[in-house]
């Protein structure tokens, strides 16, 4: 094993635990369940060296304690004020490294108030572990954050290079594309994406998301008009369009 290309480890009904490894060991992102990670590590005879946590929901951190028990040397990165198992607190502007390559930490609140993203700079391009902030063709629900925060976080992520690869934590793509088609029924890119039945659908490029994800397309007149029509009234500005569309998705 001498590759740093992240691979998906399925967990629960629709979670992905992203894992990368080289000949020395492995790292994983958001291990909600320890068992599939330990099975992969046992099969490849590698230790777990690092865990990167995006936020505190149990389907993202539920396996951390068992992994710490099995691999006592593992370093756990995340928001210490939200996650007790964190050994190495990180926040906006922090940097860490795995496999000789640096990851920078961004605060991307909205889904939760303390949500983090990890931007890992590999030779093949930027790899973004975005947790539940961005999904393919969608975005996370708002829990302890605000719609304004989530809009700002997605706007910041959408300014990254178009060839950046995003690694969301859930396989929600098919359902998200149905909603995207409800917002933009004539969008040919959404229609083509719906015809692609590959699983996993992830990772996904930012270029693709800009073409199919309605939550990244709130500046477009056709999106604004459709959301206003469905929401039953005029909407003042992109943030209001985003908020109304997130509410529409909650009940779709």
Foldseek 3Di string as FASTA:
>chain_A
DAWQPWDFQDDDPWFTWTKGDHPAAIEIEQQLAQVSVVVVCVVVVHQYAEYEYFAQDNSRCVHVVVSCVVHVNHAYEEDVVGDVSHPHYDEQQDWDDDPPWIWGKYQQDFLARRGIKIWTQDPVGTEIEREQLDDQLEGHAGDHGHLVSSLVSVVVVLPPDQQYWYDYTTQCNLVSLVLLCQQVVPQVLSVVVNVDPDPPPDGDTSNSSCSRHLSNVLVDPSNQVSLCVVLVHHADDSSRSNVSSSVVSVVD
